[in-house]
């Protein structure tokens, strides 16, 4: 079979409290993507709807969305892998097209997290861990990543100040991303200022500034077979490599000193499939739900040797003008993290970068981009490599 291309991308603004229904929220990302691709609902052979269902009041949203978006009687599928749902949805869509079953598939990710309280949201996130052996003890997402941060600091001498630099970078680009929920500047000094919310402890060593925010949002990525992509789009972006992995759900079954092994495994698969190495990546989107997550991604993806990720952020190598620009749309730390929509938003950013359409966030002449999307506390890992 031929190549599989991305012909359209879209995303709603990520906001703290979306006033409409989930189907209206999904429409915003879908509308942008079909306009971007220059297609209609009738041109789409199938849809993959992606979210983490425990946040939704609607059971089986795929059928609801397919009807609302004019995607019936075409088949629709529902995909859930926690925070990596829409990246895994892209993998499903790629497979559907590559197999010849369908020619054009829409991957629609969404989450309306404001439908429940912050306390309820944290409780549901905790249930992403093993509900028999781990989450009943009350450990939640910040605490899990705090354990990884402690391990990294113990083994490599990483400091809270190193992590603060990652948030400063995120805010630098979040200010110019009109889709981001958090568009305020963040300075390094805020992390040592007891009057600044950024310095408030959440789960030591992580502070408020080290954590991303919940948000409501949607995203959409439309993929097509090579023949259809060339017919429908003047600037298709090609899916070069896909990697996916999973690991032990309980942290007791892992070595916290190695970072997120699913990222390394998925990255190795994607690099091999694409025929590239980390040095070939011109721009990357990584899953920075916490600052330590971005630090580990630098190392797990081969942008830096283990323990040397802090040197990348200190030297500003991961800024837009650096040798390996990472999260120059603000990342999850500034954009917000509407769980099911996050991977699609990351993919949208890289597609726009490769087309040269990223505006103030544009990296100079990128040819190969990477998306790293993690589900849960490193339970699922997805890495996607795209090329012009």
Protein backbone atom coordinates (compact mmCIF):
# COMPACT_ATOMS: atom_id res chain seq x y z
CA UNK A 1 0.00 0.00 0.00
CA UNK A 2 1.03 3.61 -0.48
CA UNK A 3 1.80 6.25 2.10
CA UNK A 4 -0.71 7.74 4.53
CA UNK A 5 -0.92 11.51 4.80
CA UNK A 6 -2.49 14.11 7.04
CA UNK A 7 -4.58 16.47 4.94
CA UNK A 8 -6.36 18.52 7.59
CA UNK A 9 -5.91 19.57 11.22
CA UNK A 10 -8.06 21.55 13.61
CA UNK A 11 -8.34 22.50 17.24
CA UNK A 12 -10.71 24.44 19.45
CA UNK A 13 -9.37 27.01 21.85
CA UNK A 14 -8.46 25.24 25.09
CA UNK A 15 -10.45 26.87 27.89
CA UNK A 16 -11.21 26.39 31.57
CA UNK A 17 -14.99 26.22 31.22
CA UNK A 18 -16.54 25.57 27.82
CA UNK A 19 -20.17 26.78 27.88
CA UNK A 20 -21.62 24.34 25.32
CA UNK A 21 -22.15 20.60 25.07
CA UNK A 22 -19.48 18.04 24.26
CA UNK A 23 -20.82 17.62 20.72
CA UNK A 24 -20.55 21.37 20.16
CA UNK A 25 -17.03 21.29 21.58
CA UNK A 26 -16.05 18.46 19.21
CA UNK A 27 -17.55 20.39 16.30
CA UNK A 28 -15.09 23.26 16.79
CA UNK A 29 -12.02 21.13 16.14
CA UNK A 30 -13.77 19.15 13.40
CA UNK A 31 -14.94 22.30 11.60
CA UNK A 32 -11.41 23.69 11.50
CA UNK A 33 -10.01 20.40 10.17
CA UNK A 34 -12.51 19.93 7.33
CA UNK A 35 -12.04 23.56 6.29
CA UNK A 36 -8.28 23.06 6.42
CA UNK A 37 -8.53 19.90 4.29
CA UNK A 38 -11.12 21.35 1.93
CA UNK A 39 -13.43 18.37 2.38
CA UNK A 40 -16.96 17.76 3.65
CA UNK A 41 -18.38 15.16 6.01
CA UNK A 42 -19.40 13.07 2.97
CA UNK A 43 -15.74 12.74 1.94
CA UNK A 44 -14.85 11.05 5.24
CA UNK A 45 -15.19 7.26 5.19
CA UNK A 46 -14.88 6.64 8.95
CA UNK A 47 -14.26 8.41 12.23
CA UNK A 48 -12.29 7.59 15.38
CA UNK A 49 -13.52 9.39 18.50
CA UNK A 50 -11.02 9.68 21.35
CA UNK A 51 -11.40 10.59 25.04
CA UNK A 52 -11.06 9.31 28.58
CA UNK A 53 -14.68 8.30 29.28
CA UNK A 54 -14.74 8.68 33.05
CA UNK A 55 -14.87 12.48 32.66
CA UNK A 56 -17.92 12.39 30.39
CA UNK A 57 -21.58 12.17 31.32
CA UNK A 58 -22.37 10.84 27.83
CA UNK A 59 -21.84 7.12 27.46
CA UNK A 60 -20.51 5.99 24.04
CA UNK A 61 -19.89 9.47 22.60
CA UNK A 62 -18.69 8.13 19.23
CA UNK A 63 -22.18 7.52 17.89
CA UNK A 64 -23.43 10.84 19.25
CA UNK A 65 -20.63 12.75 17.57
CA UNK A 66 -20.91 10.85 14.28
CA UNK A 67 -24.55 11.84 14.01
CA UNK A 68 -23.95 15.46 15.01
CA UNK A 69 -21.01 15.91 12.63
CA UNK A 70 -22.75 14.33 9.65
CA UNK A 71 -20.56 11.22 9.68
CA UNK A 72 -23.36 8.65 9.46
CA UNK A 73 -23.89 6.03 8.14
CA UNK A 74 -20.10 5.69 7.98
CA UNK A 75 -18.60 3.52 10.74
CA UNK A 76 -17.28 5.18 13.88
CA UNK A 77 -14.84 3.80 16.45
CA UNK A 78 -14.10 4.78 20.04
CA UNK A 79 -10.51 4.88 21.33
CA UNK A 80 -9.33 5.34 24.91
CA UNK A 81 -5.77 5.20 26.22
CA UNK A 82 -5.97 7.91 28.86
CA UNK A 83 -3.98 11.03 27.93
CA UNK A 84 -2.66 9.49 24.69
CA UNK A 85 -6.10 8.63 23.30
CA UNK A 86 -5.98 10.74 20.13
CA UNK A 87 -2.41 9.69 19.27
CA UNK A 88 -3.54 6.10 19.59
CA UNK A 89 -6.56 7.12 17.51
CA UNK A 90 -4.18 8.25 14.77
CA UNK A 91 -2.55 4.82 14.89
CA UNK A 92 -5.96 3.20 14.39
CA UNK A 93 -6.81 5.58 11.53
CA UNK A 94 -3.44 4.90 9.89
CA UNK A 95 -4.15 1.17 10.09
CA UNK A 96 -7.63 1.57 8.61
CA UNK A 97 -6.24 3.51 5.66
CA UNK A 98 -3.11 1.41 5.20
CA UNK A 99 -5.20 -1.77 5.12
CA UNK A 100 -7.35 -0.36 2.33
CA UNK A 101 -10.56 -0.53 4.36
CA UNK A 102 -10.99 3.26 4.20
CA UNK A 103 -9.48 6.13 2.22
CA UNK A 104 -10.21 9.12 4.48
CA UNK A 105 -10.56 8.92 8.26
CA UNK A 106 -11.14 11.69 10.85
CA UNK A 107 -9.57 11.37 14.31
CA UNK A 108 -11.53 13.52 16.74
CA UNK A 109 -10.28 14.00 20.30
CA UNK A 110 -12.15 15.85 23.02
CA UNK A 111 -12.54 16.34 26.74
CA UNK A 112 -14.82 18.61 28.74
CA UNK A 113 -13.16 18.34 32.11
CA UNK A 114 -15.18 21.19 33.63
CA UNK A 115 -18.22 18.92 33.84
CA UNK A 116 -16.81 17.63 37.12
CA UNK A 117 -14.98 19.34 39.99
CA UNK A 118 -11.20 19.48 40.33
CA UNK A 119 -11.38 17.04 43.24
CA UNK A 120 -13.45 14.61 41.18
CA UNK A 121 -11.05 15.03 38.27
CA UNK A 122 -8.04 14.18 40.45
CA UNK A 123 -9.85 11.13 41.82
CA UNK A 124 -10.55 9.89 38.29
CA UNK A 125 -6.95 10.49 37.29
CA UNK A 126 -5.89 8.41 40.27
CA UNK A 127 -8.05 5.60 38.94
CA UNK A 128 -5.79 5.51 35.89
CA UNK A 129 -3.57 3.49 38.22
CA UNK A 130 -4.46 0.04 39.52
CA UNK A 131 -7.67 0.41 41.54
CA UNK A 132 -6.92 -2.76 43.51
CA UNK A 133 -3.31 -2.25 44.56
CA UNK A 134 -2.33 1.40 44.10
CA UNK A 135 -4.92 4.16 43.69
CA UNK A 136 -6.84 3.29 46.91
CA UNK A 137 -3.86 4.67 48.82
CA UNK A 138 -4.67 8.13 47.47
CA UNK A 139 -1.73 8.69 45.15
CA UNK A 140 -2.65 11.09 42.34
CA UNK A 141 -0.95 12.34 39.18
CA UNK A 142 1.26 15.06 40.73
CA UNK A 143 2.53 12.62 43.36
CA UNK A 144 3.35 9.95 40.79
CA UNK A 145 5.40 12.37 38.69
CA UNK A 146 6.95 13.78 41.87
CA UNK A 147 8.38 10.30 42.47
CA UNK A 148 9.97 10.37 39.03
CA UNK A 149 11.30 13.86 39.75
CA UNK A 150 12.85 12.70 43.04
CA UNK A 151 14.46 9.74 41.29
CA UNK A 152 15.91 11.97 38.55
CA UNK A 153 17.26 14.41 41.13
CA UNK A 154 18.78 11.62 43.20
CA UNK A 155 20.50 9.96 40.25
CA UNK A 156 21.54 12.93 38.11
CA UNK A 157 21.62 15.95 40.42
CA UNK A 158 18.74 17.66 38.65
CA UNK A 159 17.34 20.59 40.65
CA UNK A 160 13.93 22.25 40.99
CA UNK A 161 15.50 25.26 39.28
CA UNK A 162 16.23 23.13 36.20
CA UNK A 163 12.56 22.17 36.05
CA UNK A 164 11.48 25.80 36.49
CA UNK A 165 13.35 26.69 33.30
CA UNK A 166 11.06 24.33 31.37
CA UNK A 167 7.97 26.20 32.59
CA UNK A 168 9.55 29.54 31.70
CA UNK A 169 10.05 28.26 28.14
CA UNK A 170 6.48 26.98 27.97
CA UNK A 171 5.10 30.36 29.01
CA UNK A 172 7.31 32.12 26.48
CA UNK A 173 5.40 30.40 23.68
CA UNK A 174 2.05 30.07 25.44
CA UNK A 175 1.78 33.86 25.30
CA UNK A 176 1.73 33.79 21.49
CA UNK A 177 -0.53 30.73 21.10
CA UNK A 178 -4.09 31.95 20.73
CA UNK A 179 -5.39 28.43 21.45
CA UNK A 180 -3.66 28.18 24.85
CA UNK A 181 -5.54 28.38 28.15
CA UNK A 182 -2.61 29.97 30.04
CA UNK A 183 -1.16 32.96 28.19
CA UNK A 184 0.52 34.84 31.02
CA UNK A 185 4.31 35.28 31.32
CA UNK A 186 6.16 33.16 33.87
CA UNK A 187 9.56 34.25 35.14
CA UNK A 188 12.23 32.18 36.82
CA UNK A 189 12.00 34.44 39.89
CA UNK A 190 8.37 33.45 40.49
CA UNK A 191 9.48 29.99 41.64
CA UNK A 192 11.36 31.47 44.61
CA UNK A 193 8.79 34.16 45.42
CA UNK A 194 6.53 33.04 48.29
CA UNK A 195 3.91 35.53 47.07
CA UNK A 196 3.70 33.88 43.65
CA UNK A 197 1.29 30.95 43.15
CA UNK A 198 3.96 29.36 40.94
CA UNK A 199 6.06 28.60 44.03
CA UNK A 200 3.31 26.89 46.01
CA UNK A 201 4.01 23.19 46.71
CA UNK A 202 1.80 20.53 45.14
CA UNK A 203 3.75 17.29 45.61
CA UNK A 204 7.36 17.91 46.54
CA UNK A 205 9.51 18.69 44.62
CA UNK A 206 6.79 19.74 42.15
CA UNK A 207 5.16 23.14 42.58
CA UNK A 208 2.17 24.79 40.96
CA UNK A 209 4.40 26.07 38.17
CA UNK A 210 5.56 22.53 37.41
CA UNK A 211 2.03 21.28 36.69
CA UNK A 212 -0.24 21.66 33.67
CA UNK A 213 -3.86 22.72 34.02
CA UNK A 214 -7.07 20.86 33.25
CA UNK A 215 -8.94 22.31 30.28
CA UNK A 216 -11.84 21.76 27.92
CA UNK A 217 -11.01 21.33 24.25
CA UNK A 218 -11.19 19.34 21.04
CA UNK A 219 -8.89 18.48 18.17
CA UNK A 220 -9.23 16.80 14.80
CA UNK A 221 -6.76 15.21 12.40
CA UNK A 222 -7.91 13.98 8.98
CA UNK A 223 -5.80 11.28 7.33
CA UNK A 224 -6.00 9.93 3.81
CA UNK A 225 -4.45 7.37 1.49
CA UNK A 226 -1.63 8.60 -0.71
CA UNK A 227 -3.84 8.83 -3.79
CA UNK A 228 -6.60 10.70 -2.00
CA UNK A 229 -4.15 12.91 -0.12
CA UNK A 230 -2.52 14.05 -3.36
CA UNK A 231 -5.93 14.65 -4.90
CA UNK A 232 -7.42 16.56 -1.99
CA UNK A 233 -4.44 18.44 -0.54
CA UNK A 234 -1.72 20.65 -1.96
CA UNK A 235 0.41 20.24 1.18
CA UNK A 236 -0.08 16.79 2.70
CA UNK A 237 2.14 15.87 5.63
CA UNK A 238 3.18 12.22 5.60
CA UNK A 239 3.13 9.79 8.51
CA UNK A 240 6.66 8.39 8.45
CA UNK A 241 6.78 6.39 11.64
CA UNK A 242 4.54 5.17 14.45
CA UNK A 243 5.54 3.65 17.76
CA UNK A 244 3.44 2.47 20.69
CA UNK A 245 4.17 0.68 23.95
CA UNK A 246 2.78 -0.09 27.39
CA UNK A 247 4.25 -1.10 30.72
CA UNK A 248 3.39 -2.26 34.24
CA UNK A 249 0.49 -0.26 35.64
CA UNK A 250 1.86 -0.27 39.21
CA UNK A 251 4.96 1.80 39.90
CA UNK A 252 6.15 -1.05 42.12
CA UNK A 253 6.75 -2.95 38.88
CA UNK A 254 9.03 -0.28 37.39
CA UNK A 255 12.48 1.24 37.75
CA UNK A 256 11.82 4.94 38.37
CA UNK A 257 15.43 5.82 37.59
CA UNK A 258 15.08 5.02 33.87
CA UNK A 259 12.40 7.57 33.06
CA UNK A 260 9.34 6.51 31.06
CA UNK A 261 10.32 3.28 29.33
CA UNK A 262 7.22 3.38 27.10
CA UNK A 263 8.56 6.58 25.53
CA UNK A 264 11.90 5.00 24.76
CA UNK A 265 10.31 1.85 23.32
CA UNK A 266 7.75 3.76 21.24
CA UNK A 267 10.45 6.17 20.08
CA UNK A 268 12.73 3.35 18.98
CA UNK A 269 9.88 1.82 16.95
CA UNK A 270 8.98 5.12 15.32
CA UNK A 271 12.59 5.99 14.45
CA UNK A 272 13.10 2.56 12.89
CA UNK A 273 9.88 2.73 10.86
CA UNK A 274 10.67 6.25 9.65
CA UNK A 275 14.32 5.47 8.92
CA UNK A 276 15.56 8.44 10.95
CA UNK A 277 17.46 9.11 14.18
CA UNK A 278 16.94 11.67 16.95
CA UNK A 279 19.42 13.96 15.17
CA UNK A 280 17.05 14.16 12.18
CA UNK A 281 14.19 15.66 14.20
CA UNK A 282 13.76 19.37 13.45
CA UNK A 283 10.88 20.13 15.83
CA UNK A 284 9.13 18.11 18.54
CA UNK A 285 6.02 18.12 20.68
CA UNK A 286 6.44 16.15 23.92
CA UNK A 287 4.01 15.34 26.69
CA UNK A 288 4.85 17.89 29.39
CA UNK A 289 2.00 17.31 31.84
CA UNK A 290 4.66 18.15 34.42
CA UNK A 291 8.05 19.79 33.92
CA UNK A 292 9.81 16.55 34.86
CA UNK A 293 7.90 14.79 32.06
CA UNK A 294 9.50 17.07 29.46
CA UNK A 295 12.92 16.57 31.05
CA UNK A 296 12.52 12.79 30.84
CA UNK A 297 11.27 13.05 27.25
CA UNK A 298 14.49 14.78 26.18
CA UNK A 299 16.41 11.75 27.40
CA UNK A 300 13.99 8.94 26.53
CA UNK A 301 13.76 10.18 22.92
CA UNK A 302 17.52 10.48 22.47
CA UNK A 303 17.72 14.27 22.28
CA UNK A 304 20.08 14.08 25.28
CA UNK A 305 21.93 11.33 27.11
CA UNK A 306 20.43 10.16 30.44
CA UNK A 307 20.93 12.87 33.03
CA UNK A 308 21.87 15.52 30.46
CA UNK A 309 18.40 16.80 29.64
CA UNK A 310 18.91 19.69 32.02
CA UNK A 311 21.76 20.93 29.83
CA UNK A 312 19.36 21.28 26.88
CA UNK A 313 17.04 23.62 28.75
CA UNK A 314 19.89 25.55 30.39
CA UNK A 315 21.43 26.25 26.98
CA UNK A 316 18.04 27.01 25.43
CA UNK A 317 18.61 24.26 22.85
CA UNK A 318 14.89 23.44 23.08
CA UNK A 319 13.79 27.00 22.29
CA UNK A 320 12.57 27.92 18.81
CA UNK A 321 16.02 29.00 17.66
CA UNK A 322 17.81 26.06 19.30
CA UNK A 323 19.15 22.80 17.91
CA UNK A 324 16.04 20.79 18.89
CA UNK A 325 12.96 23.02 19.40
CA UNK A 326 10.49 21.37 21.78
CA UNK A 327 6.95 22.49 22.65
CA UNK A 328 7.21 25.87 20.98
CA UNK A 329 3.41 26.14 21.14
CA UNK A 330 3.58 26.28 24.94
CA UNK A 331 3.10 22.56 25.50
CA UNK A 332 0.55 21.18 27.92
CA UNK A 333 1.98 23.45 30.60
CA UNK A 334 0.59 26.51 28.80
CA UNK A 335 -1.99 25.09 26.38
CA UNK A 336 -3.76 23.06 29.04
CA UNK A 337 -4.48 19.35 28.95
CA UNK A 338 -7.98 18.31 27.78
CA UNK A 339 -7.06 14.65 27.92
CA UNK A 340 -8.64 13.19 24.79
CA UNK A 341 -7.77 16.24 22.66
CA UNK A 342 -4.12 16.57 23.65
CA UNK A 343 -2.48 14.22 21.14
CA UNK A 344 -4.44 15.73 18.26
CA UNK A 345 -3.37 19.21 19.34
CA UNK A 346 0.27 18.09 19.37
CA UNK A 347 -0.12 16.60 15.89
CA UNK A 348 -1.74 19.80 14.65
CA UNK A 349 1.22 21.84 15.88
CA UNK A 350 3.75 19.66 14.04
CA UNK A 351 1.67 19.64 10.85
CA UNK A 352 1.53 23.45 10.89
CA UNK A 353 5.28 23.58 11.56
CA UNK A 354 6.06 21.31 8.61
CA UNK A 355 3.80 23.38 6.36
CA UNK A 356 5.45 26.61 7.50
CA UNK A 357 2.14 27.87 8.91
CA UNK A 358 2.92 28.16 12.64
CA UNK A 359 3.13 31.97 12.71
CA UNK A 360 5.03 33.39 15.69
CA UNK A 361 5.87 29.84 16.80
CA UNK A 362 7.40 28.83 13.45
CA UNK A 363 10.73 26.98 13.47
CA UNK A 364 12.98 27.66 10.49
CA UNK A 365 12.47 25.19 7.61
CA UNK A 366 11.62 21.96 9.49
CA UNK A 367 11.38 18.79 7.42
CA UNK A 368 10.83 16.12 10.08
CA UNK A 369 8.74 16.50 13.25
CA UNK A 370 8.00 14.25 16.23
CA UNK A 371 5.04 13.91 18.59
CA UNK A 372 5.48 12.17 21.97
CA UNK A 373 2.20 11.52 23.80
CA UNK A 374 1.98 9.64 27.11
CA UNK A 375 -1.10 8.06 28.69
CA UNK A 376 -1.36 7.96 32.46
CA UNK A 377 1.85 7.84 34.46
CA UNK A 378 3.81 6.31 31.61
CA UNK A 379 1.34 3.46 31.22
CA UNK A 380 0.92 4.06 27.48
CA UNK A 381 3.45 5.64 25.13
CA UNK A 382 2.92 6.86 21.58
CA UNK A 383 5.51 8.45 19.29
CA UNK A 384 4.64 9.68 15.81
CA UNK A 385 7.11 10.98 13.23
CA UNK A 386 5.83 13.21 10.43
CA UNK A 387 7.57 14.54 7.34
CA UNK A 388 6.96 17.02 4.56
